Amino acid sequence: MTRVTATEFKNNIGAFSDAAMQEPVIITSHQRDRLVLLSADEYRRLTDGISRGVSEDRKRLIRERADYHRDTIIELANR
């Protein structure tokens, strides 16, 4: 998997966009993983599996738990 700084990504967006068609590209900021760039096909593959294989009750439960832990997740991500 390719890992680049945000500055490298900004300066070479075309090259890294092309690279993301083959494998995810991790974009870092201040030596921390911040974003992942992946192809639209890969994104659809990942999200379609979730939406087809999970019941509505399970999706609701996942959303509720994520909402409950949102502040903690954001705080940890900002460290």
N, C-alpha and C. Protein backbone atom coordinates (compact mmCIF):
# COMPACT_ATOMS: atom_id res chain seq x y z
N MET A 1 0.85 -1.17 0.00
CA MET A 1 0.00 0.00 0.00
C MET A 1 0.90 1.24 0.00
N THR A 2 0.54 2.21 -0.80
CA THR A 2 1.31 3.44 -0.91
C THR A 2 0.95 4.37 0.26
N ARG A 3 1.96 5.03 0.82
CA ARG A 3 1.75 5.99 1.92
C ARG A 3 2.47 7.28 1.53
N VAL A 4 1.75 8.40 1.55
CA VAL A 4 2.33 9.70 1.17
C VAL A 4 1.88 10.78 2.14
N THR A 5 2.67 11.83 2.22
CA THR A 5 2.26 12.98 3.03
C THR A 5 1.21 13.78 2.27
N ALA A 6 0.47 14.59 3.00
CA ALA A 6 -0.55 15.43 2.37
C ALA A 6 0.08 16.37 1.34
N THR A 7 1.28 16.87 1.64
CA THR A 7 1.97 17.76 0.71
C THR A 7 2.35 17.03 -0.57
N GLU A 8 2.90 15.81 -0.41
CA GLU A 8 3.25 15.01 -1.60
C GLU A 8 2.00 14.74 -2.43
N PHE A 9 0.90 14.41 -1.76
CA PHE A 9 -0.34 14.13 -2.47
C PHE A 9 -0.81 15.37 -3.24
N LYS A 10 -0.79 16.53 -2.56
CA LYS A 10 -1.23 17.78 -3.19
C LYS A 10 -0.39 18.10 -4.42
N ASN A 11 0.91 17.86 -4.32
CA ASN A 11 1.82 18.19 -5.42
C ASN A 11 1.79 17.19 -6.56
N ASN A 12 1.28 15.98 -6.30
CA ASN A 12 1.26 14.94 -7.33
C ASN A 12 -0.08 14.21 -7.35
N ILE A 13 -1.16 14.97 -7.28
CA ILE A 13 -2.49 14.38 -7.15
C ILE A 13 -2.81 13.42 -8.30
N GLY A 14 -2.40 13.75 -9.49
CA GLY A 14 -2.69 12.89 -10.64
C GLY A 14 -2.03 11.53 -10.52
N ALA A 15 -0.76 11.52 -10.15
CA ALA A 15 -0.03 10.26 -10.02
C ALA A 15 -0.62 9.39 -8.91
N PHE A 16 -0.96 10.00 -7.78
CA PHE A 16 -1.50 9.22 -6.68
C PHE A 16 -2.94 8.80 -6.93
N SER A 17 -3.68 9.60 -7.69
CA SER A 17 -5.03 9.18 -8.10
C SER A 17 -4.94 7.95 -9.00
N ASP A 18 -3.98 7.96 -9.91
CA ASP A 18 -3.76 6.79 -10.76
C ASP A 18 -3.35 5.58 -9.93
N ALA A 19 -2.48 5.79 -8.95
CA ALA A 19 -2.03 4.69 -8.09
C ALA A 19 -3.20 4.10 -7.31
N ALA A 20 -4.15 4.94 -6.90
CA ALA A 20 -5.29 4.47 -6.12
C ALA A 20 -6.22 3.57 -6.94
N MET A 21 -6.08 3.59 -8.24
CA MET A 21 -6.87 2.68 -9.07
C MET A 21 -6.39 1.24 -8.90
N GLN A 22 -5.15 1.06 -8.46
CA GLN A 22 -4.57 -0.27 -8.27
C GLN A 22 -4.61 -0.73 -6.82
N GLU A 23 -4.38 0.20 -5.89
CA GLU A 23 -4.37 -0.12 -4.46
C GLU A 23 -4.64 1.16 -3.67
N PRO A 24 -5.15 1.03 -2.45
CA PRO A 24 -5.41 2.22 -1.64
C PRO A 24 -4.14 3.02 -1.39
N VAL A 25 -4.30 4.34 -1.32
CA VAL A 25 -3.19 5.25 -1.02
C VAL A 25 -3.52 5.90 0.33
N ILE A 26 -2.62 5.73 1.29
CA ILE A 26 -2.80 6.35 2.60
C ILE A 26 -2.14 7.73 2.57
N ILE A 27 -2.90 8.73 2.98
CA ILE A 27 -2.40 10.11 3.01
C ILE A 27 -2.19 10.48 4.48
N THR A 28 -0.97 10.90 4.80
CA THR A 28 -0.63 11.21 6.18
C THR A 28 -0.53 12.72 6.40
N SER A 29 -0.67 13.10 7.65
CA SER A 29 -0.48 14.48 8.07
C SER A 29 0.16 14.45 9.44
N HIS A 30 1.28 15.13 9.57
CA HIS A 30 2.02 15.14 10.84
C HIS A 30 2.32 13.72 11.30
N GLN A 31 2.73 12.89 10.36
CA GLN A 31 3.15 11.51 10.59
C GLN A 31 2.03 10.60 11.10
N ARG A 32 0.79 10.99 10.85
CA ARG A 32 -0.36 10.17 11.22
C ARG A 32 -1.19 9.86 9.99
N ASP A 33 -1.69 8.66 9.92
CA ASP A 33 -2.60 8.31 8.83
C ASP A 33 -3.86 9.14 8.99
N ARG A 34 -4.26 9.85 7.93
CA ARG A 34 -5.44 10.72 8.01
C ARG A 34 -6.54 10.32 7.04
N LEU A 35 -6.15 9.96 5.82
CA LEU A 35 -7.13 9.64 4.78
C LEU A 35 -6.68 8.43 3.99
N VAL A 36 -7.64 7.78 3.34
CA VAL A 36 -7.32 6.70 2.41
C VAL A 36 -8.04 6.99 1.11
N LEU A 37 -7.28 7.02 0.03
CA LEU A 37 -7.83 7.24 -1.30
C LEU A 37 -7.94 5.89 -1.98
N LEU A 38 -9.14 5.56 -2.47
CA LEU A 38 -9.30 4.31 -3.20
C LEU A 38 -10.24 4.53 -4.37
N SER A 39 -10.20 3.59 -5.30
CA SER A 39 -11.00 3.73 -6.51
C SER A 39 -12.49 3.66 -6.16
N ALA A 40 -13.29 4.24 -7.02
CA ALA A 40 -14.75 4.20 -6.82
C ALA A 40 -15.25 2.76 -6.87
N ASP A 41 -14.66 1.94 -7.73
CA ASP A 41 -15.07 0.52 -7.79
C ASP A 41 -14.80 -0.18 -6.47
N GLU A 42 -13.63 0.06 -5.89
CA GLU A 42 -13.30 -0.57 -4.61
C GLU A 42 -14.22 -0.06 -3.50
N TYR A 43 -14.53 1.23 -3.51
CA TYR A 43 -15.45 1.79 -2.52
C TYR A 43 -16.82 1.13 -2.63
N ARG A 44 -17.33 1.02 -3.87
CA ARG A 44 -18.63 0.37 -4.08
C ARG A 44 -18.60 -1.08 -3.62
N ARG A 45 -17.49 -1.78 -3.91
CA ARG A 45 -17.38 -3.17 -3.50
C ARG A 45 -17.47 -3.29 -1.98
N LEU A 46 -16.78 -2.39 -1.29
CA LEU A 46 -16.79 -2.43 0.17
C LEU A 46 -18.16 -2.06 0.75
N THR A 47 -18.77 -1.03 0.22
CA THR A 47 -20.04 -0.56 0.79
C THR A 47 -21.22 -1.40 0.34
N ASP A 48 -21.19 -1.97 -0.85
CA ASP A 48 -22.30 -2.81 -1.31
C ASP A 48 -22.40 -4.05 -0.44
N GLY A 49 -21.27 -4.63 -0.09
CA GLY A 49 -21.29 -5.81 0.76
C GLY A 49 -21.92 -5.53 2.11
N ILE A 50 -21.66 -4.36 2.63
CA ILE A 50 -22.22 -3.98 3.93
C ILE A 50 -23.73 -3.81 3.82
N SER A 51 -24.16 -3.07 2.81
CA SER A 51 -25.59 -2.77 2.73
C SER A 51 -26.42 -3.99 2.38
N ARG A 52 -25.86 -4.94 1.64
CA ARG A 52 -26.63 -6.14 1.28
C ARG A 52 -26.63 -7.19 2.38
N GLY A 53 -25.53 -7.27 3.14
CA GLY A 53 -25.40 -8.35 4.10
C GLY A 53 -25.82 -8.03 5.52
N VAL A 54 -26.31 -6.82 5.77
CA VAL A 54 -26.63 -6.41 7.14
C VAL A 54 -28.10 -6.01 7.21
N SER A 55 -28.79 -6.55 8.20
CA SER A 55 -30.21 -6.22 8.37
C SER A 55 -30.37 -4.77 8.79
N GLU A 56 -31.56 -4.25 8.62
CA GLU A 56 -31.85 -2.86 9.01
C GLU A 56 -31.67 -2.67 10.51
N ASP A 57 -32.05 -3.67 11.31
CA ASP A 57 -31.86 -3.56 12.76
C ASP A 57 -30.38 -3.48 13.10
N ARG A 58 -29.57 -4.27 12.43
CA ARG A 58 -28.12 -4.26 12.68
C ARG A 58 -27.53 -2.91 12.26
N LYS A 59 -27.96 -2.38 11.12
CA LYS A 59 -27.47 -1.06 10.67
C LYS A 59 -27.83 0.01 11.69
N ARG A 60 -29.06 -0.05 12.22
CA ARG A 60 -29.49 0.93 13.22
C ARG A 60 -28.61 0.82 14.47
N LEU A 61 -28.34 -0.39 14.90
CA LEU A 61 -27.51 -0.60 16.08
C LEU A 61 -26.09 -0.08 15.87
N ILE A 62 -25.54 -0.31 14.69
CA ILE A 62 -24.20 0.19 14.35
C ILE A 62 -24.18 1.71 14.40
N ARG A 63 -25.21 2.35 13.79
CA ARG A 63 -25.28 3.81 13.80
C ARG A 63 -25.40 4.34 15.23
N GLU A 64 -26.23 3.71 16.05
CA GLU A 64 -26.40 4.15 17.44
C GLU A 64 -25.09 4.04 18.22
N ARG A 65 -24.38 2.94 18.05
CA ARG A 65 -23.12 2.76 18.77
C ARG A 65 -22.06 3.75 18.29
N ALA A 66 -22.03 3.99 16.98
CA ALA A 66 -21.07 4.97 16.45
C ALA A 66 -21.39 6.36 16.99
N ASP A 67 -22.68 6.72 17.02
CA ASP A 67 -23.07 8.02 17.56
C ASP A 67 -22.70 8.14 19.04
N TYR A 68 -22.92 7.08 19.79
CA TYR A 68 -22.61 7.08 21.21
C TYR A 68 -21.12 7.31 21.46
N HIS A 69 -20.27 6.74 20.61
CA HIS A 69 -18.82 6.82 20.79
C HIS A 69 -18.15 7.90 19.94
N ARG A 70 -18.95 8.69 19.23
CA ARG A 70 -18.42 9.68 18.28
C ARG A 70 -17.38 10.61 18.92
N ASP A 71 -17.70 11.22 20.06
CA ASP A 71 -16.78 12.17 20.70
C ASP A 71 -15.45 11.52 21.07
N THR A 72 -15.52 10.30 21.59
CA THR A 72 -14.29 9.58 21.95
C THR A 72 -13.46 9.28 20.72
N ILE A 73 -14.10 8.84 19.65
CA ILE A 73 -13.40 8.52 18.41
C ILE A 73 -12.72 9.77 17.85
N ILE A 74 -13.44 10.87 17.83
CA ILE A 74 -12.87 12.13 17.32
C ILE A 74 -11.70 12.58 18.19
N GLU A 75 -11.85 12.49 19.51
CA GLU A 75 -10.78 12.89 20.41
C GLU A 75 -9.53 12.04 20.18
N LEU A 76 -9.69 10.73 20.03
CA LEU A 76 -8.56 9.86 19.79
C LEU A 76 -7.91 10.14 18.44
N ALA A 77 -8.72 10.44 17.45
CA ALA A 77 -8.19 10.73 16.11
C ALA A 77 -7.37 12.01 16.10
N ASN A 78 -7.69 12.95 16.98
CA ASN A 78 -7.00 14.24 17.02
C ASN A 78 -5.72 14.21 17.86
N ARG A 79 -5.45 13.11 18.52
CA ARG A 79 -4.23 13.03 19.35
C ARG A 79 -3.00 12.86 18.52
